[in-house]
All heavy atoms as atom14 arrays in JSON, in Angstrom:
{
  "sequence": "LETWADLYGVTGSGAHLELVRRYDRRRFFDALLEGRDVLTN",
  "atom14_mask": [
    [1, 1, 1, 1, 1, 1, 1, 1, 0, 0, 0, 0, 0, 0],
    [1, 1, 1, 1, 1, 1, 1, 1, 1, 0, 0, 0, 0, 0],
    [1, 1, 1, 1, 1, 1, 1, 0, 0, 0, 0, 0, 0, 0],
    [1, 1, 1, 1, 1, 1, 1, 1, 1, 1, 1, 1, 1, 1],
    [1, 1, 1, 1, 1, 0, 0, 0, 0, 0, 0, 0, 0, 0],
    [1, 1, 1, 1, 1, 1, 1, 1, 0, 0, 0, 0, 0, 0],
    [1, 1, 1, 1, 1, 1, 1, 1, 0, 0, 0, 0, 0, 0],
    [1, 1, 1, 1, 1, 1, 1, 1, 1, 1, 1, 1, 0, 0],
    [1, 1, 1, 1, 0, 0, 0, 0, 0, 0, 0, 0, 0, 0],
    [1, 1, 1, 1, 1, 1, 1, 0, 0, 0, 0, 0, 0, 0],
    [1, 1, 1, 1, 1, 1, 1, 0, 0, 0, 0, 0, 0, 0],
    [1, 1, 1, 1, 0, 0, 0, 0, 0, 0, 0, 0, 0, 0],
    [1, 1, 1, 1, 1, 1, 0, 0, 0, 0, 0, 0, 0, 0],
    [1, 1, 1, 1, 0, 0, 0, 0, 0, 0, 0, 0, 0, 0],
    [1, 1, 1, 1, 1, 0, 0, 0, 0, 0, 0, 0, 0, 0],
    [1, 1, 1, 1, 1, 1, 1, 1, 1, 1, 0, 0, 0, 0],
    [1, 1, 1, 1, 1, 1, 1, 1, 0, 0, 0, 0, 0, 0],
    [1, 1, 1, 1, 1, 1, 1, 1, 1, 0, 0, 0, 0, 0],
    [1, 1, 1, 1, 1, 1, 1, 1, 0, 0, 0, 0, 0, 0],
    [1, 1, 1, 1, 1, 1, 1, 0, 0, 0, 0, 0, 0, 0],
    [1, 1, 1, 1, 1, 1, 1, 1, 1, 1, 1, 0, 0, 0],
    [1, 1, 1, 1, 1, 1, 1, 1, 1, 1, 1, 0, 0, 0],
    [1, 1, 1, 1, 1, 1, 1, 1, 1, 1, 1, 1, 0, 0],
    [1, 1, 1, 1, 1, 1, 1, 1, 0, 0, 0, 0, 0, 0],
    [1, 1, 1, 1, 1, 1, 1, 1, 1, 1, 1, 0, 0, 0],
    [1, 1, 1, 1, 1, 1, 1, 1, 1, 1, 1, 0, 0, 0],
    [1, 1, 1, 1, 1, 1, 1, 1, 1, 1, 1, 0, 0, 0],
    [1, 1, 1, 1, 1, 1, 1, 1, 1, 1, 1, 0, 0, 0],
    [1, 1, 1, 1, 1, 1, 1, 1, 1, 1, 1, 0, 0, 0],
    [1, 1, 1, 1, 1, 1, 1, 1, 0, 0, 0, 0, 0, 0],
    [1, 1, 1, 1, 1, 0, 0, 0, 0, 0, 0, 0, 0, 0],
    [1, 1, 1, 1, 1, 1, 1, 1, 0, 0, 0, 0, 0, 0],
    [1, 1, 1, 1, 1, 1, 1, 1, 0, 0, 0, 0, 0, 0],
    [1, 1, 1, 1, 1, 1, 1, 1, 1, 0, 0, 0, 0, 0],
    [1, 1, 1, 1, 0, 0, 0, 0, 0, 0, 0, 0, 0, 0],
    [1, 1, 1, 1, 1, 1, 1, 1, 1, 1, 1, 0, 0, 0],
    [1, 1, 1, 1, 1, 1, 1, 1, 0, 0, 0, 0, 0, 0],
    [1, 1, 1, 1, 1, 1, 1, 0, 0, 0, 0, 0, 0, 0],
    [1, 1, 1, 1, 1, 1, 1, 1, 0, 0, 0, 0, 0, 0],
    [1, 1, 1, 1, 1, 1, 1, 0, 0, 0, 0, 0, 0, 0],
    [1, 1, 1, 1, 1, 1, 1, 1, 0, 0, 0, 0, 0, 0]
  ],
  "atom14_positions": [
    [[11.32, 18.01, -14.28], [12.71, 17.89, -13.85], [13.41, 16.76, -14.6], [14.56, 16.89, -15.02], [12.75, 17.64, -12.33], [14.12, 17.36, -11.73], [15.06, 18.53, -11.95], [13.98, 17.06, -10.23], [0.0, 0.0, 0.0], [0.0, 0.0, 0.0], [0.0, 0.0, 0.0], [0.0, 0.0, 0.0], [0.0, 0.0, 0.0], [0.0, 0.0, 0.0]],
    [[12.71, 15.66, -14.8], [13.31, 14.52, -15.5], [13.65, 14.88, -16.94], [14.72, 14.52, -17.45], [12.36, 13.32, -15.48], [12.92, 12.09, -16.16], [11.96, 10.91, -16.2], [10.76, 11.11, -15.91], [12.4, 9.79, -16.52], [0.0, 0.0, 0.0], [0.0, 0.0, 0.0], [0.0, 0.0, 0.0], [0.0, 0.0, 0.0], [0.0, 0.0, 0.0]],
    [[12.75, 15.59, -17.62], [13.03, 15.9, -19.03], [14.17, 16.89, -19.17], [14.96, 16.78, -20.11], [11.77, 16.45, -19.73], [11.25, 17.56, -19.01], [10.7, 15.4, -19.83], [0.0, 0.0, 0.0], [0.0, 0.0, 0.0], [0.0, 0.0, 0.0], [0.0, 0.0, 0.0], [0.0, 0.0, 0.0], [0.0, 0.0, 0.0], [0.0, 0.0, 0.0]],
    [[14.27, 17.85, -18.25], [15.42, 18.78, -18.33], [16.72, 18.02, -18.04], [17.75, 18.29, -18.67], [15.25, 19.93, -17.36], [14.05, 20.81, -17.59], [13.27, 21.39, -16.63], [13.49, 21.23, -18.85], [12.26, 22.13, -17.2], [12.38, 22.05, -18.56], [13.81, 20.98, -20.18], [11.59, 22.63, -19.56], [13.02, 21.56, -21.19], [11.93, 22.36, -20.87]],
    [[16.68, 17.07, -17.1], [17.87, 16.26, -16.82], [18.22, 15.4, -18.04], [19.4, 15.25, -18.38], [17.65, 15.41, -15.58], [0.0, 0.0, 0.0], [0.0, 0.0, 0.0], [0.0, 0.0, 0.0], [0.0, 0.0, 0.0], [0.0, 0.0, 0.0], [0.0, 0.0, 0.0], [0.0, 0.0, 0.0], [0.0, 0.0, 0.0], [0.0, 0.0, 0.0]],
    [[17.2, 14.82, -18.67], [17.44, 14.05, -19.9], [18.12, 14.91, -20.96], [19.09, 14.49, -21.61], [16.12, 13.51, -20.45], [15.61, 12.3, -19.7], [16.41, 11.57, -19.09], [14.37, 12.07, -19.73], [0.0, 0.0, 0.0], [0.0, 0.0, 0.0], [0.0, 0.0, 0.0], [0.0, 0.0, 0.0], [0.0, 0.0, 0.0], [0.0, 0.0, 0.0]],
    [[17.6, 16.12, -21.14], [18.14, 17.01, -22.17], [19.57, 17.42, -21.83], [20.45, 17.42, -22.7], [17.24, 18.23, -22.31], [17.57, 19.2, -23.46], [17.52, 18.49, -24.8], [16.6, 20.38, -23.45], [0.0, 0.0, 0.0], [0.0, 0.0, 0.0], [0.0, 0.0, 0.0], [0.0, 0.0, 0.0], [0.0, 0.0, 0.0], [0.0, 0.0, 0.0]],
    [[19.8, 17.74, -20.57], [21.16, 18.11, -20.15], [22.12, 16.95, -20.36], [23.28, 17.15, -20.76], [21.15, 18.54, -18.69], [22.54, 18.76, -18.12], [23.35, 19.8, -18.6], [23.04, 17.92, -17.14], [24.63, 19.99, -18.11], [24.32, 18.1, -16.63], [25.11, 19.14, -17.12], [26.38, 19.32, -16.62], [0.0, 0.0, 0.0], [0.0, 0.0, 0.0]],
    [[21.66, 15.73, -20.12], [22.5, 14.56, -20.34], [22.95, 14.41, -21.78], [24.0, 13.83, -22.05], [0.0, 0.0, 0.0], [0.0, 0.0, 0.0], [0.0, 0.0, 0.0], [0.0, 0.0, 0.0], [0.0, 0.0, 0.0], [0.0, 0.0, 0.0], [0.0, 0.0, 0.0], [0.0, 0.0, 0.0], [0.0, 0.0, 0.0], [0.0, 0.0, 0.0]],
    [[22.17, 14.95, -22.72], [22.51, 14.88, -24.14], [23.38, 16.07, -24.55], [24.4, 15.91, -25.23], [21.24, 14.84, -25.01], [21.6, 14.91, -26.49], [20.43, 13.58, -24.71], [0.0, 0.0, 0.0], [0.0, 0.0, 0.0], [0.0, 0.0, 0.0], [0.0, 0.0, 0.0], [0.0, 0.0, 0.0], [0.0, 0.0, 0.0], [0.0, 0.0, 0.0]],
    [[22.99, 17.27, -24.12], [23.62, 18.49, -24.64], [24.78, 19.0, -23.79], [25.68, 19.66, -24.31], [22.59, 19.61, -24.77], [22.16, 20.02, -23.45], [21.39, 19.17, -25.59], [0.0, 0.0, 0.0], [0.0, 0.0, 0.0], [0.0, 0.0, 0.0], [0.0, 0.0, 0.0], [0.0, 0.0, 0.0], [0.0, 0.0, 0.0], [0.0, 0.0, 0.0]],
    [[24.72, 18.76, -22.47], [25.71, 19.35, -21.57], [25.6, 20.86, -21.47], [26.5, 21.52, -20.94], [0.0, 0.0, 0.0], [0.0, 0.0, 0.0], [0.0, 0.0, 0.0], [0.0, 0.0, 0.0], [0.0, 0.0, 0.0], [0.0, 0.0, 0.0], [0.0, 0.0, 0.0], [0.0, 0.0, 0.0], [0.0, 0.0, 0.0], [0.0, 0.0, 0.0]],
    [[24.5, 21.42, -21.93], [24.32, 22.87, -21.96], [24.12, 23.44, -20.56], [23.35, 22.9, -19.75], [23.11, 23.22, -22.83], [22.68, 24.55, -22.61], [0.0, 0.0, 0.0], [0.0, 0.0, 0.0], [0.0, 0.0, 0.0], [0.0, 0.0, 0.0], [0.0, 0.0, 0.0], [0.0, 0.0, 0.0], [0.0, 0.0, 0.0], [0.0, 0.0, 0.0]],
    [[24.77, 24.56, -20.28], [24.59, 25.24, -19.01], [23.17, 25.71, -18.8], [22.66, 25.71, -17.67], [0.0, 0.0, 0.0], [0.0, 0.0, 0.0], [0.0, 0.0, 0.0], [0.0, 0.0, 0.0], [0.0, 0.0, 0.0], [0.0, 0.0, 0.0], [0.0, 0.0, 0.0], [0.0, 0.0, 0.0], [0.0, 0.0, 0.0], [0.0, 0.0, 0.0]],
    [[22.49, 26.11, -19.88], [21.1, 26.55, -19.78], [20.2, 25.39, -19.36], [19.27, 25.56, -18.57], [20.63, 27.14, -21.11], [0.0, 0.0, 0.0], [0.0, 0.0, 0.0], [0.0, 0.0, 0.0], [0.0, 0.0, 0.0], [0.0, 0.0, 0.0], [0.0, 0.0, 0.0], [0.0, 0.0, 0.0], [0.0, 0.0, 0.0], [0.0, 0.0, 0.0]],
    [[20.5, 24.22, -19.87], [19.67, 23.06, -19.52], [19.95, 22.59, -18.09], [19.04, 22.15, -17.4], [19.92, 21.93, -20.52], [19.57, 22.32, -21.92], [20.13, 21.73, -23.04], [18.72, 23.27, -22.4], [19.64, 22.29, -24.13], [18.79, 23.24, -23.77], [0.0, 0.0, 0.0], [0.0, 0.0, 0.0], [0.0, 0.0, 0.0], [0.0, 0.0, 0.0]],
    [[21.2, 22.74, -17.63], [21.5, 22.47, -16.23], [20.78, 23.47, -15.33], [20.27, 23.11, -14.26], [23.01, 22.51, -15.99], [23.46, 22.28, -14.55], [23.02, 20.91, -14.05], [24.98, 22.43, -14.44], [0.0, 0.0, 0.0], [0.0, 0.0, 0.0], [0.0, 0.0, 0.0], [0.0, 0.0, 0.0], [0.0, 0.0, 0.0], [0.0, 0.0, 0.0]],
    [[20.7, 24.71, -15.77], [19.99, 25.72, -14.98], [18.5, 25.38, -14.88], [17.87, 25.61, -13.83], [20.17, 27.11, -15.62], [19.44, 28.24, -14.92], [19.86, 28.45, -13.48], [20.97, 28.03, -13.11], [19.06, 29.05, -12.72], [0.0, 0.0, 0.0], [0.0, 0.0, 0.0], [0.0, 0.0, 0.0], [0.0, 0.0, 0.0], [0.0, 0.0, 0.0]],
    [[17.92, 24.83, -15.94], [16.53, 24.4, -15.85], [16.37, 23.27, -14.83], [15.35, 23.2, -14.12], [16.02, 23.95, -17.23], [15.65, 25.07, -18.19], [15.38, 24.52, -19.59], [14.43, 25.85, -17.69], [0.0, 0.0, 0.0], [0.0, 0.0, 0.0], [0.0, 0.0, 0.0], [0.0, 0.0, 0.0], [0.0, 0.0, 0.0], [0.0, 0.0, 0.0]],
    [[17.34, 22.37, -14.76], [17.32, 21.34, -13.71], [17.29, 22.0, -12.35], [16.49, 21.62, -11.47], [18.55, 20.41, -13.84], [18.64, 19.47, -12.63], [18.48, 19.6, -15.13], [0.0, 0.0, 0.0], [0.0, 0.0, 0.0], [0.0, 0.0, 0.0], [0.0, 0.0, 0.0], [0.0, 0.0, 0.0], [0.0, 0.0, 0.0], [0.0, 0.0, 0.0]],
    [[18.12, 23.0, -12.13], [18.15, 23.71, -10.84], [16.81, 24.39, -10.55], [16.3, 24.32, -9.43], [19.26, 24.76, -10.85], [20.63, 24.24, -11.19], [21.32, 23.65, -9.97], [22.69, 23.3, -10.28], [23.17, 22.07, -10.29], [22.37, 21.05, -10.0], [24.43, 21.82, -10.57], [0.0, 0.0, 0.0], [0.0, 0.0, 0.0], [0.0, 0.0, 0.0]],
    [[16.25, 25.03, -11.54], [15.01, 25.78, -11.32], [13.83, 24.85, -11.02], [12.92, 25.23, -10.28], [14.7, 26.66, -12.54], [15.68, 27.81, -12.73], [15.41, 28.59, -14.01], [16.45, 29.6, -14.23], [16.49, 30.4, -15.29], [15.55, 30.3, -16.23], [17.46, 31.29, -15.41], [0.0, 0.0, 0.0], [0.0, 0.0, 0.0], [0.0, 0.0, 0.0]],
    [[13.84, 23.67, -11.64], [12.7, 22.76, -11.45], [12.95, 21.75, -10.31], [12.23, 20.77, -10.19], [12.38, 22.05, -12.76], [11.49, 22.91, -13.64], [12.03, 23.92, -14.43], [10.11, 22.73, -13.64], [11.22, 24.72, -15.22], [9.3, 23.52, -14.42], [9.85, 24.53, -15.2], [9.03, 25.34, -15.96], [0.0, 0.0, 0.0], [0.0, 0.0, 0.0]],
    [[13.91, 22.01, -9.48], [14.17, 21.24, -8.27], [13.11, 21.65, -7.23], [13.12, 22.76, -6.73], [15.58, 21.58, -7.77], [15.99, 20.78, -6.56], [15.14, 20.52, -5.68], [17.19, 20.44, -6.47], [0.0, 0.0, 0.0], [0.0, 0.0, 0.0], [0.0, 0.0, 0.0], [0.0, 0.0, 0.0], [0.0, 0.0, 0.0], [0.0, 0.0, 0.0]],
    [[12.18, 20.72, -6.91], [11.07, 21.06, -6.0], [11.52, 20.93, -4.54], [11.26, 19.95, -3.86], [9.85, 20.16, -6.27], [8.6, 20.69, -5.59], [7.41, 19.79, -5.78], [6.3, 20.26, -4.97], [5.24, 19.54, -4.64], [5.14, 18.29, -5.06], [4.29, 20.03, -3.9], [0.0, 0.0, 0.0], [0.0, 0.0, 0.0], [0.0, 0.0, 0.0]],
    [[12.15, 21.98, -4.05], [12.84, 21.92, -2.76], [11.88, 21.74, -1.59], [12.22, 21.07, -0.61], [13.67, 23.18, -2.57], [14.73, 23.34, -3.65], [15.56, 24.59, -3.48], [16.44, 24.81, -4.63], [17.29, 25.82, -4.73], [17.39, 26.7, -3.75], [18.03, 25.96, -5.81], [0.0, 0.0, 0.0], [0.0, 0.0, 0.0], [0.0, 0.0, 0.0]],
    [[10.71, 22.35, -1.63], [9.78, 22.2, -0.51], [9.45, 20.73, -0.26], [9.35, 20.29, 0.89], [8.49, 22.97, -0.8], [8.63, 24.47, -0.72], [7.33, 25.14, -1.12], [7.45, 26.59, -1.09], [6.54, 27.44, -1.56], [5.42, 26.94, -2.11], [6.72, 28.74, -1.49], [0.0, 0.0, 0.0], [0.0, 0.0, 0.0], [0.0, 0.0, 0.0]],
    [[9.29, 19.98, -1.31], [8.98, 18.56, -1.21], [10.23, 17.75, -0.9], [10.27, 16.93, 0.02], [8.33, 18.11, -2.52], [8.06, 16.64, -2.63], [7.53, 15.91, -1.57], [8.32, 15.97, -3.82], [7.27, 14.55, -1.69], [8.06, 14.61, -3.95], [7.55, 13.91, -2.88], [0.0, 0.0, 0.0], [0.0, 0.0, 0.0], [0.0, 0.0, 0.0]],
    [[11.28, 17.99, -1.66], [12.5, 17.21, -1.52], [13.14, 17.39, -0.14], [13.59, 16.42, 0.49], [13.51, 17.59, -2.61], [13.09, 17.21, -4.01], [13.77, 17.7, -5.11], [12.04, 16.33, -4.23], [13.42, 17.34, -6.4], [11.66, 15.97, -5.53], [12.37, 16.48, -6.6], [0.0, 0.0, 0.0], [0.0, 0.0, 0.0], [0.0, 0.0, 0.0]],
    [[13.2, 18.63, 0.35], [13.83, 18.89, 1.65], [13.06, 18.2, 2.77], [13.66, 17.7, 3.73], [13.94, 20.38, 1.91], [14.97, 21.06, 1.0], [15.72, 20.33, 0.33], [15.0, 22.3, 0.96], [0.0, 0.0, 0.0], [0.0, 0.0, 0.0], [0.0, 0.0, 0.0], [0.0, 0.0, 0.0], [0.0, 0.0, 0.0], [0.0, 0.0, 0.0]],
    [[11.72, 18.2, 2.67], [10.92, 17.54, 3.7], [11.19, 16.03, 3.72], [11.26, 15.41, 4.79], [9.44, 17.79, 3.45], [0.0, 0.0, 0.0], [0.0, 0.0, 0.0], [0.0, 0.0, 0.0], [0.0, 0.0, 0.0], [0.0, 0.0, 0.0], [0.0, 0.0, 0.0], [0.0, 0.0, 0.0], [0.0, 0.0, 0.0], [0.0, 0.0, 0.0]],
    [[11.38, 15.43, 2.55], [11.73, 14.01, 2.5], [13.08, 13.76, 3.16], [13.24, 12.81, 3.94], [11.77, 13.53, 1.05], [10.45, 13.29, 0.34], [10.67, 13.03, -1.14], [9.7, 12.1, 0.95], [0.0, 0.0, 0.0], [0.0, 0.0, 0.0], [0.0, 0.0, 0.0], [0.0, 0.0, 0.0], [0.0, 0.0, 0.0], [0.0, 0.0, 0.0]],
    [[14.05, 14.63, 2.89], [15.37, 14.46, 3.47], [15.35, 14.63, 4.98], [16.2, 14.05, 5.68], [16.35, 15.46, 2.84], [16.7, 15.21, 1.37], [17.55, 16.34, 0.81], [17.42, 13.88, 1.2], [0.0, 0.0, 0.0], [0.0, 0.0, 0.0], [0.0, 0.0, 0.0], [0.0, 0.0, 0.0], [0.0, 0.0, 0.0], [0.0, 0.0, 0.0]],
    [[14.39, 15.38, 5.48], [14.24, 15.55, 6.94], [13.52, 14.37, 7.59], [13.37, 14.33, 8.81], [13.47, 16.84, 7.22], [14.25, 18.1, 6.88], [13.35, 19.34, 6.87], [12.17, 19.23, 7.28], [13.84, 20.4, 6.45], [0.0, 0.0, 0.0], [0.0, 0.0, 0.0], [0.0, 0.0, 0.0], [0.0, 0.0, 0.0], [0.0, 0.0, 0.0]],
    [[13.05, 13.41, 6.77], [12.4, 12.23, 7.3], [10.94, 12.41, 7.6], [10.32, 11.56, 8.25], [0.0, 0.0, 0.0], [0.0, 0.0, 0.0], [0.0, 0.0, 0.0], [0.0, 0.0, 0.0], [0.0, 0.0, 0.0], [0.0, 0.0, 0.0], [0.0, 0.0, 0.0], [0.0, 0.0, 0.0], [0.0, 0.0, 0.0], [0.0, 0.0, 0.0]],
    [[10.33, 13.48, 7.08], [8.91, 13.72, 7.35], [8.04, 12.94, 6.35], [8.44, 12.73, 5.2], [8.59, 15.21, 7.24], [9.16, 16.04, 8.39], [8.58, 17.44, 8.38], [9.33, 18.32, 7.49], [8.77, 19.24, 6.71], [7.46, 19.37, 6.67], [9.51, 20.02, 5.95], [0.0, 0.0, 0.0], [0.0, 0.0, 0.0], [0.0, 0.0, 0.0]],
    [[6.86, 12.51, 6.8], [5.89, 11.88, 5.91], [5.12, 12.99, 5.2], [4.16, 13.53, 5.73], [4.93, 10.98, 6.7], [3.86, 10.34, 5.79], [3.97, 10.5, 4.56], [2.94, 9.72, 6.33], [0.0, 0.0, 0.0], [0.0, 0.0, 0.0], [0.0, 0.0, 0.0], [0.0, 0.0, 0.0], [0.0, 0.0, 0.0], [0.0, 0.0, 0.0]],
    [[5.56, 13.3, 4.0], [4.88, 14.32, 3.2], [4.09, 13.67, 2.07], [3.8, 14.31, 1.06], [5.87, 15.36, 2.63], [6.31, 16.34, 3.7], [7.08, 14.67, 2.01], [0.0, 0.0, 0.0], [0.0, 0.0, 0.0], [0.0, 0.0, 0.0], [0.0, 0.0, 0.0], [0.0, 0.0, 0.0], [0.0, 0.0, 0.0], [0.0, 0.0, 0.0]],
    [[3.74, 12.39, 2.27], [3.0, 11.68, 1.25], [1.55, 11.42, 1.63], [0.66, 11.59, 0.8], [3.69, 10.33, 0.94], [5.15, 10.37, 0.51], [5.58, 8.98, 0.04], [5.41, 11.39, -0.57], [0.0, 0.0, 0.0], [0.0, 0.0, 0.0], [0.0, 0.0, 0.0], [0.0, 0.0, 0.0], [0.0, 0.0, 0.0], [0.0, 0.0, 0.0]],
    [[1.28, 11.0, 2.86], [-0.07, 10.58, 3.24], [-1.1, 11.63, 2.85], [-0.96, 12.81, 3.17], [-0.14, 10.32, 4.76], [0.77, 9.26, 5.08], [-1.54, 9.91, 5.17], [0.0, 0.0, 0.0], [0.0, 0.0, 0.0], [0.0, 0.0, 0.0], [0.0, 0.0, 0.0], [0.0, 0.0, 0.0], [0.0, 0.0, 0.0], [0.0, 0.0, 0.0]],
    [[-2.13, 11.17, 2.13], [-3.24, 12.0, 1.66], [-2.82, 13.04, 0.62], [-3.59, 13.96, 0.32], [-3.95, 12.7, 2.83], [-4.69, 11.71, 3.71], [-5.18, 10.69, 3.23], [-4.78, 12.01, 4.99], [0.0, 0.0, 0.0], [0.0, 0.0, 0.0], [0.0, 0.0, 0.0], [0.0, 0.0, 0.0], [0.0, 0.0, 0.0], [0.0, 0.0, 0.0]]
  ]
}
């Protein structure tokens, strides 16, 4: 996700922004936003 964001920051390409969207790990990120401990172990 970081490398696609880096690339999009340089090119501004819609395809590279789409890769940012696709590599957004929602299962993990959404659980963090809900305040759950999804880290232990």
